[in-house]
């Protein structure tokens, strides 16, 4: 009696840091993940795949913990870092991409990510829980972007 919540998020911003510095941070999953809030554990699965185990959200009686794995492929010549879901790991499938463009004195960054999260609650709860899950995920990604902007010396 679970249901799935789909989250689709996109952000675009420009930072003062050089392209190579930005690419190196975002392509290094553990370094990049260190800027993401509420990560309980990041487990290297080999072959540039990582399992993300987020902190539990809720109370002792009722909580949700999102766990997923993605495989990362970085291509500096294209300015892209793409991740695809690793099936069979956790309760969510997360995919996305960073598109990074050198602007000379700055670097333009586009984040696109989507996730399907299985929520272990009765379907009747979907209308109440789905907006909360989407809002929580969006808030975490916004804080992640803020942390990265700070790491890269601010926005242009």
C-alpha atoms as a PDB file:
ATOM      1  CA  UNK A   1       0.000   0.000   0.000  1.00  0.00           C
ATOM      2  CA  UNK A   2       2.642   2.474  -1.058  1.00  0.00           C
ATOM      3  CA  UNK A   3       2.514   5.254  -3.614  1.00  0.00           C
ATOM      4  CA  UNK A   4       5.073   7.049  -5.751  1.00  0.00           C
ATOM      5  CA  UNK A   5       5.822  10.764  -5.675  1.00  0.00           C
ATOM      6  CA  UNK A   6       7.521  12.297  -8.710  1.00  0.00           C
ATOM      7  CA  UNK A   7       9.778  15.305  -8.202  1.00  0.00           C
ATOM      8  CA  UNK A   8      11.104  17.327 -11.145  1.00  0.00           C
ATOM      9  CA  UNK A   9      13.469  20.218 -10.363  1.00  0.00           C
ATOM     10  CA  UNK A  10      15.553  22.612 -12.421  1.00  0.00           C
ATOM     11  CA  UNK A  11      17.859  25.472 -11.433  1.00  0.00           C
ATOM     12  CA  UNK A  12      20.047  27.803 -13.442  1.00  0.00           C
ATOM     13  CA  UNK A  13      22.697  30.114 -12.008  1.00  0.00           C
ATOM     14  CA  UNK A  14      26.075  31.671 -12.729  1.00  0.00           C
ATOM     15  CA  UNK A  15      29.053  31.747 -10.375  1.00  0.00           C
ATOM     16  CA  UNK A  16      32.341  33.636 -10.201  1.00  0.00           C
ATOM     17  CA  UNK A  17      34.542  30.518 -10.164  1.00  0.00           C
ATOM     18  CA  UNK A  18      36.432  29.259 -13.220  1.00  0.00           C
ATOM     19  CA  UNK A  19      34.875  26.448 -15.287  1.00  0.00           C
ATOM     20  CA  UNK A  20      37.492  23.840 -14.308  1.00  0.00           C
ATOM     21  CA  UNK A  21      37.027  24.508 -10.571  1.00  0.00           C
ATOM     22  CA  UNK A  22      33.249  24.169 -10.889  1.00  0.00           C
ATOM     23  CA  UNK A  23      33.489  21.038 -13.022  1.00  0.00           C
ATOM     24  CA  UNK A  24      35.994  19.391 -10.662  1.00  0.00           C
ATOM     25  CA  UNK A  25      33.741  19.931  -7.618  1.00  0.00           C
ATOM     26  CA  UNK A  26      30.530  18.791  -9.308  1.00  0.00           C
ATOM     27  CA  UNK A  27      32.170  15.766 -10.982  1.00  0.00           C
ATOM     28  CA  UNK A  28      33.620  14.563  -7.661  1.00  0.00           C
ATOM     29  CA  UNK A  29      30.470  13.056  -6.147  1.00  0.00           C
ATOM     30  CA  UNK A  30      31.689  12.907  -2.517  1.00  0.00           C
ATOM     31  CA  UNK A  31      32.884  16.540  -2.673  1.00  0.00           C
ATOM     32  CA  UNK A  32      29.664  17.686  -4.330  1.00  0.00           C
ATOM     33  CA  UNK A  33      27.542  15.643  -1.886  1.00  0.00           C
ATOM     34  CA  UNK A  34      29.299  17.284   1.061  1.00  0.00           C
ATOM     35  CA  UNK A  35      27.387  20.454   0.129  1.00  0.00           C
ATOM     36  CA  UNK A  36      23.993  18.702   0.078  1.00  0.00           C
ATOM     37  CA  UNK A  37      22.040  19.016   3.357  1.00  0.00           C
ATOM     38  CA  UNK A  38      20.756  16.080   5.385  1.00  0.00           C
ATOM     39  CA  UNK A  39      22.901  13.359   3.792  1.00  0.00           C
ATOM     40  CA  UNK A  40      23.216  10.629   6.405  1.00  0.00           C
ATOM     41  CA  UNK A  41      25.616   8.519   4.364  1.00  0.00           C
ATOM     42  CA  UNK A  42      27.111   8.350   0.870  1.00  0.00           C
ATOM     43  CA  UNK A  43      28.259   4.849  -0.065  1.00  0.00           C
ATOM     44  CA  UNK A  44      30.574   4.215  -3.026  1.00  0.00           C
ATOM     45  CA  UNK A  45      29.262   1.172  -4.918  1.00  0.00           C
ATOM     46  CA  UNK A  46      32.118   1.074  -7.441  1.00  0.00           C
ATOM     47  CA  UNK A  47      32.197   2.121 -11.107  1.00  0.00           C
ATOM     48  CA  UNK A  48      31.329   5.734 -10.167  1.00  0.00           C
ATOM     49  CA  UNK A  49      27.987   4.709  -8.639  1.00  0.00           C
ATOM     50  CA  UNK A  50      26.939   5.979  -5.213  1.00  0.00           C
ATOM     51  CA  UNK A  51      24.110   5.184  -2.832  1.00  0.00           C
ATOM     52  CA  UNK A  52      22.698   8.266  -1.106  1.00  0.00           C
ATOM     53  CA  UNK A  53      21.114   7.622   2.290  1.00  0.00           C
ATOM     54  CA  UNK A  54      19.321  10.723   3.472  1.00  0.00           C
ATOM     55  CA  UNK A  55      18.503  11.521   7.089  1.00  0.00           C
ATOM     56  CA  UNK A  56      15.151  10.290   8.356  1.00  0.00           C
ATOM     57  CA  UNK A  57      12.386  12.889   8.242  1.00  0.00           C
ATOM     58  CA  UNK A  58       9.422  12.756  10.635  1.00  0.00           C
ATOM     59  CA  UNK A  59       8.866  11.433  14.130  1.00  0.00           C
ATOM     60  CA  UNK A  60       9.911   8.204  15.855  1.00  0.00           C
ATOM     61  CA  UNK A  61       6.462   6.717  15.189  1.00  0.00           C
ATOM     62  CA  UNK A  62       6.352   7.827  11.544  1.00  0.00           C
ATOM     63  CA  UNK A  63       9.295   8.718   9.358  1.00  0.00           C
ATOM     64  CA  UNK A  64      10.491   8.555   5.791  1.00  0.00           C
ATOM     65  CA  UNK A  65      14.064   7.960   4.737  1.00  0.00           C
ATOM     66  CA  UNK A  66      14.970   8.387   1.096  1.00  0.00           C
ATOM     67  CA  UNK A  67      17.642   6.018  -0.187  1.00  0.00           C
ATOM     68  CA  UNK A  68      18.710   5.814  -3.815  1.00  0.00           C
ATOM     69  CA  UNK A  69      21.733   5.099  -5.971  1.00  0.00           C
ATOM     70  CA  UNK A  70      22.910   6.735  -9.167  1.00  0.00           C
ATOM     71  CA  UNK A  71      25.767   6.143 -11.585  1.00  0.00           C
ATOM     72  CA  UNK A  72      27.658   9.267 -12.678  1.00  0.00           C
ATOM     73  CA  UNK A  73      29.303  10.019 -16.020  1.00  0.00           C
ATOM     74  CA  UNK A  74      31.346  13.207 -16.312  1.00  0.00           C
ATOM     75  CA  UNK A  75      32.482  14.637 -19.651  1.00  0.00           C
ATOM     76  CA  UNK A  76      34.577  17.785 -19.308  1.00  0.00           C
ATOM     77  CA  UNK A  77      34.659  18.395 -23.089  1.00  0.00           C
ATOM     78  CA  UNK A  78      30.845  18.600 -23.111  1.00  0.00           C
ATOM     79  CA  UNK A  79      30.642  20.344 -19.746  1.00  0.00           C
ATOM     80  CA  UNK A  80      28.221  17.701 -18.524  1.00  0.00           C
ATOM     81  CA  UNK A  81      27.782  15.397 -15.579  1.00  0.00           C
ATOM     82  CA  UNK A  82      24.906  12.957 -16.018  1.00  0.00           C
ATOM     83  CA  UNK A  83      23.519  10.545 -13.466  1.00  0.00           C
ATOM     84  CA  UNK A  84      21.168   7.635 -14.009  1.00  0.00           C
ATOM     85  CA  UNK A  85      19.358   5.469 -11.458  1.00  0.00           C
ATOM     86  CA  UNK A  86      20.806   2.227 -10.184  1.00  0.00           C
ATOM     87  CA  UNK A  87      17.786  -0.034  -9.833  1.00  0.00           C
ATOM     88  CA  UNK A  88      17.355  -2.207  -6.765  1.00  0.00           C
ATOM     89  CA  UNK A  89      18.998   0.275  -4.383  1.00  0.00           C
ATOM     90  CA  UNK A  90      16.642   1.936  -1.916  1.00  0.00           C
ATOM     91  CA  UNK A  91      13.191   3.435  -2.357  1.00  0.00           C
ATOM     92  CA  UNK A  92      13.776   6.036  -5.072  1.00  0.00           C
ATOM     93  CA  UNK A  93      15.071   6.392  -8.617  1.00  0.00           C
ATOM     94  CA  UNK A  94      16.941   9.650  -9.244  1.00  0.00           C
ATOM     95  CA  UNK A  95      18.347  10.914 -12.547  1.00  0.00           C
ATOM     96  CA  UNK A  96      19.692  14.244 -13.695  1.00  0.00           C
ATOM     97  CA  UNK A  97      22.428  16.323 -15.183  1.00  0.00           C
ATOM     98  CA  UNK A  98      24.688  19.283 -14.627  1.00  0.00           C
ATOM     99  CA  UNK A  99      25.353  21.404 -17.723  1.00  0.00           C
ATOM    100  CA  UNK A 100      28.359  23.672 -17.168  1.00  0.00           C
ATOM    101  CA  UNK A 101      29.399  26.447 -19.544  1.00  0.00           C
ATOM    102  CA  UNK A 102      32.577  28.519 -19.414  1.00  0.00           C
ATOM    103  CA  UNK A 103      31.692  32.229 -19.717  1.00  0.00           C
ATOM    104  CA  UNK A 104      35.256  33.499 -19.430  1.00  0.00           C
ATOM    105  CA  UNK A 105      35.092  35.373 -16.111  1.00  0.00           C
ATOM    106  CA  UNK A 106      32.280  33.189 -14.767  1.00  0.00           C
ATOM    107  CA  UNK A 107      30.651  29.782 -15.136  1.00  0.00           C
ATOM    108  CA  UNK A 108      27.012  29.175 -16.058  1.00  0.00           C
ATOM    109  CA  UNK A 109      25.446  26.129 -14.388  1.00  0.00           C
ATOM    110  CA  UNK A 110      22.169  24.339 -15.121  1.00  0.00           C
ATOM    111  CA  UNK A 111      20.850  21.585 -12.865  1.00  0.00           C
ATOM    112  CA  UNK A 112      18.060  19.282 -14.011  1.00  0.00           C
ATOM    113  CA  UNK A 113      16.966  16.400 -11.797  1.00  0.00           C
ATOM    114  CA  UNK A 114      13.999  14.124 -11.486  1.00  0.00           C
ATOM    115  CA  UNK A 115      13.118  11.486  -8.945  1.00  0.00           C
ATOM    116  CA  UNK A 116      10.447   8.904  -8.269  1.00  0.00           C
ATOM    117  CA  UNK A 117      10.165   8.184  -4.555  1.00  0.00           C
ATOM    118  CA  UNK A 118       8.177   5.278  -3.160  1.00  0.00           C
ATOM    119  CA  UNK A 119       6.359   6.325  -0.006  1.00  0.00           C
ATOM    120  CA  UNK A 120       5.310   3.427   2.282  1.00  0.00           C
ATOM    121  CA  UNK A 121       1.887   4.822   3.195  1.00  0.00           C
ATOM    122  CA  UNK A 122      -1.687   4.099   2.132  1.00  0.00           C
ATOM    123  CA  UNK A 123      -2.675   5.694  -1.175  1.00  0.00           C
ATOM    124  CA  UNK A 124      -5.230   7.863   0.622  1.00  0.00           C
ATOM    125  CA  UNK A 125      -2.326   9.813   2.132  1.00  0.00           C
ATOM    126  CA  UNK A 126      -0.903  10.776  -1.290  1.00  0.00           C
ATOM    127  CA  UNK A 127      -2.787  14.084  -1.558  1.00  0.00           C
ATOM    128  CA  UNK A 128      -1.469  15.183   1.829  1.00  0.00           C
ATOM    129  CA  UNK A 129       2.050  13.731   1.764  1.00  0.00           C
ATOM    130  CA  UNK A 130       2.999  14.332  -1.894  1.00  0.00           C
ATOM    131  CA  UNK A 131       3.198  18.168  -1.637  1.00  0.00           C
ATOM    132  CA  UNK A 132       5.217  17.868   1.589  1.00  0.00           C
ATOM    133  CA  UNK A 133       7.720  15.477  -0.007  1.00  0.00           C
ATOM    134  CA  UNK A 134       8.068  17.719  -3.082  1.00  0.00           C
ATOM    135  CA  UNK A 135       8.524  20.811  -0.919  1.00  0.00           C
ATOM    136  CA  UNK A 136      11.123  19.102   1.287  1.00  0.00           C
ATOM    137  CA  UNK A 137      13.126  17.890  -1.721  1.00  0.00           C
ATOM    138  CA  UNK A 138      12.968  21.315  -3.383  1.00  0.00           C
ATOM    139  CA  UNK A 139      14.131  22.943  -0.139  1.00  0.00           C
ATOM    140  CA  UNK A 140      17.096  20.574   0.120  1.00  0.00           C
ATOM    141  CA  UNK A 141      18.105  21.251  -3.480  1.00  0.00           C
ATOM    142  CA  UNK A 142      17.765  25.024  -2.969  1.00  0.00           C
ATOM    143  CA  UNK A 143      20.052  24.825   0.096  1.00  0.00           C
ATOM    144  CA  UNK A 144      22.478  22.662  -1.917  1.00  0.00           C
ATOM    145  CA  UNK A 145      22.603  25.330  -4.649  1.00  0.00           C
ATOM    146  CA  UNK A 146      23.140  28.057  -2.022  1.00  0.00           C
ATOM    147  CA  UNK A 147      26.013  26.041  -0.514  1.00  0.00           C
ATOM    148  CA  UNK A 148      27.593  25.535  -3.945  1.00  0.00           C
ATOM    149  CA  UNK A 149      27.250  29.237  -4.785  1.00  0.00           C
ATOM    150  CA  UNK A 150      29.064  30.051  -1.551  1.00  0.00           C
ATOM    151  CA  UNK A 151      31.773  27.462  -2.367  1.00  0.00           C
ATOM    152  CA  UNK A 152      32.225  29.065  -5.808  1.00  0.00           C
ATOM    153  CA  UNK A 153      32.619  32.601  -4.459  1.00  0.00           C
ATOM    154  CA  UNK A 154      29.106  33.885  -5.080  1.00  0.00           C
ATOM    155  CA  UNK A 155      26.796  34.506  -7.981  1.00  0.00           C
ATOM    156  CA  UNK A 156      27.538  36.807 -10.879  1.00  0.00           C
END
